[in-house]
């Protein structure tokens, strides 16, 4: 880890091994489960729908639709 890189320091501080937990899998992911393993698509979608519901946008949105939700004009 580069001590001058704030992102690396931030990721390292949040890792379970830094907090005394074992079984961390460093996959170089920004968004992952608490043990460092990749998130599955259903977990991402379920959490995304919670966010859109709280924002008053409904529960029919999927993360993929973010690519198509802006108007370039």
C-alpha atoms as a PDB file:
ATOM      1  CA  UNK A   1       0.000   0.000   0.000  1.00  0.00           C
ATOM      2  CA  UNK A   2       1.240   3.463  -0.883  1.00  0.00           C
ATOM      3  CA  UNK A   3       1.149   5.587   2.267  1.00  0.00           C
ATOM      4  CA  UNK A   4       0.684   8.725   0.127  1.00  0.00           C
ATOM      5  CA  UNK A   5      -2.462   7.388  -1.507  1.00  0.00           C
ATOM      6  CA  UNK A   6      -5.520   8.464   0.550  1.00  0.00           C
ATOM      7  CA  UNK A   7      -7.805   6.017  -1.270  1.00  0.00           C
ATOM      8  CA  UNK A   8      -5.558   3.082  -0.382  1.00  0.00           C
ATOM      9  CA  UNK A   9      -5.343   4.229   3.218  1.00  0.00           C
ATOM     10  CA  UNK A  10      -9.112   4.579   3.393  1.00  0.00           C
ATOM     11  CA  UNK A  11      -9.689   1.111   1.946  1.00  0.00           C
ATOM     12  CA  UNK A  12      -7.143  -0.405   4.318  1.00  0.00           C
ATOM     13  CA  UNK A  13      -8.741   1.245   7.358  1.00  0.00           C
ATOM     14  CA  UNK A  14     -12.122  -0.216   6.488  1.00  0.00           C
ATOM     15  CA  UNK A  15     -10.882  -3.736   5.915  1.00  0.00           C
ATOM     16  CA  UNK A  16     -11.915  -6.340   8.440  1.00  0.00           C
ATOM     17  CA  UNK A  17      -8.322  -7.379   9.138  1.00  0.00           C
ATOM     18  CA  UNK A  18      -7.592  -3.796  10.152  1.00  0.00           C
ATOM     19  CA  UNK A  19     -10.471  -4.133  12.594  1.00  0.00           C
ATOM     20  CA  UNK A  20      -9.324  -7.477  14.000  1.00  0.00           C
ATOM     21  CA  UNK A  21     -11.542  -9.693  11.825  1.00  0.00           C
ATOM     22  CA  UNK A  22     -10.216 -12.578   9.786  1.00  0.00           C
ATOM     23  CA  UNK A  23     -10.931 -14.057   6.352  1.00  0.00           C
ATOM     24  CA  UNK A  24     -10.587 -10.840   4.330  1.00  0.00           C
ATOM     25  CA  UNK A  25     -10.218 -11.453   0.620  1.00  0.00           C
ATOM     26  CA  UNK A  26      -8.516  -8.551  -1.128  1.00  0.00           C
ATOM     27  CA  UNK A  27      -9.968  -8.506  -4.622  1.00  0.00           C
ATOM     28  CA  UNK A  28      -9.222  -4.837  -5.272  1.00  0.00           C
ATOM     29  CA  UNK A  29     -12.918  -3.972  -5.256  1.00  0.00           C
ATOM     30  CA  UNK A  30     -14.328  -0.592  -4.261  1.00  0.00           C
ATOM     31  CA  UNK A  31     -17.773  -1.983  -3.447  1.00  0.00           C
ATOM     32  CA  UNK A  32     -17.789  -5.401  -1.812  1.00  0.00           C
ATOM     33  CA  UNK A  33     -19.140  -7.438   1.073  1.00  0.00           C
ATOM     34  CA  UNK A  34     -17.634  -7.073   4.537  1.00  0.00           C
ATOM     35  CA  UNK A  35     -15.237  -9.950   3.822  1.00  0.00           C
ATOM     36  CA  UNK A  36     -14.001  -8.401   0.551  1.00  0.00           C
ATOM     37  CA  UNK A  37     -15.857 -10.758  -1.776  1.00  0.00           C
ATOM     38  CA  UNK A  38     -17.791  -9.396  -4.761  1.00  0.00           C
ATOM     39  CA  UNK A  39     -21.399  -8.334  -4.394  1.00  0.00           C
ATOM     40  CA  UNK A  40     -23.877 -10.385  -6.373  1.00  0.00           C
ATOM     41  CA  UNK A  41     -26.248  -8.615  -8.740  1.00  0.00           C
ATOM     42  CA  UNK A  42     -29.320  -9.350  -6.622  1.00  0.00           C
ATOM     43  CA  UNK A  43     -27.821  -7.708  -3.536  1.00  0.00           C
ATOM     44  CA  UNK A  44     -26.858  -4.631  -5.538  1.00  0.00           C
ATOM     45  CA  UNK A  45     -30.306  -4.407  -7.091  1.00  0.00           C
ATOM     46  CA  UNK A  46     -32.117  -4.860  -3.761  1.00  0.00           C
ATOM     47  CA  UNK A  47     -30.039  -2.150  -2.060  1.00  0.00           C
ATOM     48  CA  UNK A  48     -30.417   0.159  -5.062  1.00  0.00           C
ATOM     49  CA  UNK A  49     -34.194  -0.238  -4.943  1.00  0.00           C
ATOM     50  CA  UNK A  50     -34.180   0.709  -1.252  1.00  0.00           C
ATOM     51  CA  UNK A  51     -32.332   3.904  -2.159  1.00  0.00           C
ATOM     52  CA  UNK A  52     -34.658   4.819  -5.025  1.00  0.00           C
ATOM     53  CA  UNK A  53     -37.701   4.141  -2.850  1.00  0.00           C
ATOM     54  CA  UNK A  54     -36.382   6.419  -0.084  1.00  0.00           C
ATOM     55  CA  UNK A  55     -35.629   9.085  -2.693  1.00  0.00           C
ATOM     56  CA  UNK A  56     -39.240   8.963  -3.859  1.00  0.00           C
ATOM     57  CA  UNK A  57     -38.381   7.489  -7.265  1.00  0.00           C
ATOM     58  CA  UNK A  58     -40.203   4.187  -6.769  1.00  0.00           C
ATOM     59  CA  UNK A  59     -38.843   0.648  -6.718  1.00  0.00           C
ATOM     60  CA  UNK A  60     -38.800  -0.101 -10.441  1.00  0.00           C
ATOM     61  CA  UNK A  61     -35.316   1.285 -11.113  1.00  0.00           C
ATOM     62  CA  UNK A  62     -32.263  -0.886 -11.690  1.00  0.00           C
ATOM     63  CA  UNK A  63     -28.616   0.225 -11.545  1.00  0.00           C
ATOM     64  CA  UNK A  64     -28.293  -0.407 -15.294  1.00  0.00           C
ATOM     65  CA  UNK A  65     -30.881   2.283 -16.001  1.00  0.00           C
ATOM     66  CA  UNK A  66     -28.532   4.941 -14.641  1.00  0.00           C
ATOM     67  CA  UNK A  67     -26.694   4.677 -17.946  1.00  0.00           C
ATOM     68  CA  UNK A  68     -29.827   5.755 -19.776  1.00  0.00           C
ATOM     69  CA  UNK A  69     -31.435   8.214 -17.401  1.00  0.00           C
ATOM     70  CA  UNK A  70     -29.805  11.467 -18.492  1.00  0.00           C
ATOM     71  CA  UNK A  71     -30.918  13.629 -21.381  1.00  0.00           C
ATOM     72  CA  UNK A  72     -27.942  14.779 -23.467  1.00  0.00           C
ATOM     73  CA  UNK A  73     -29.889  17.657 -25.051  1.00  0.00           C
END
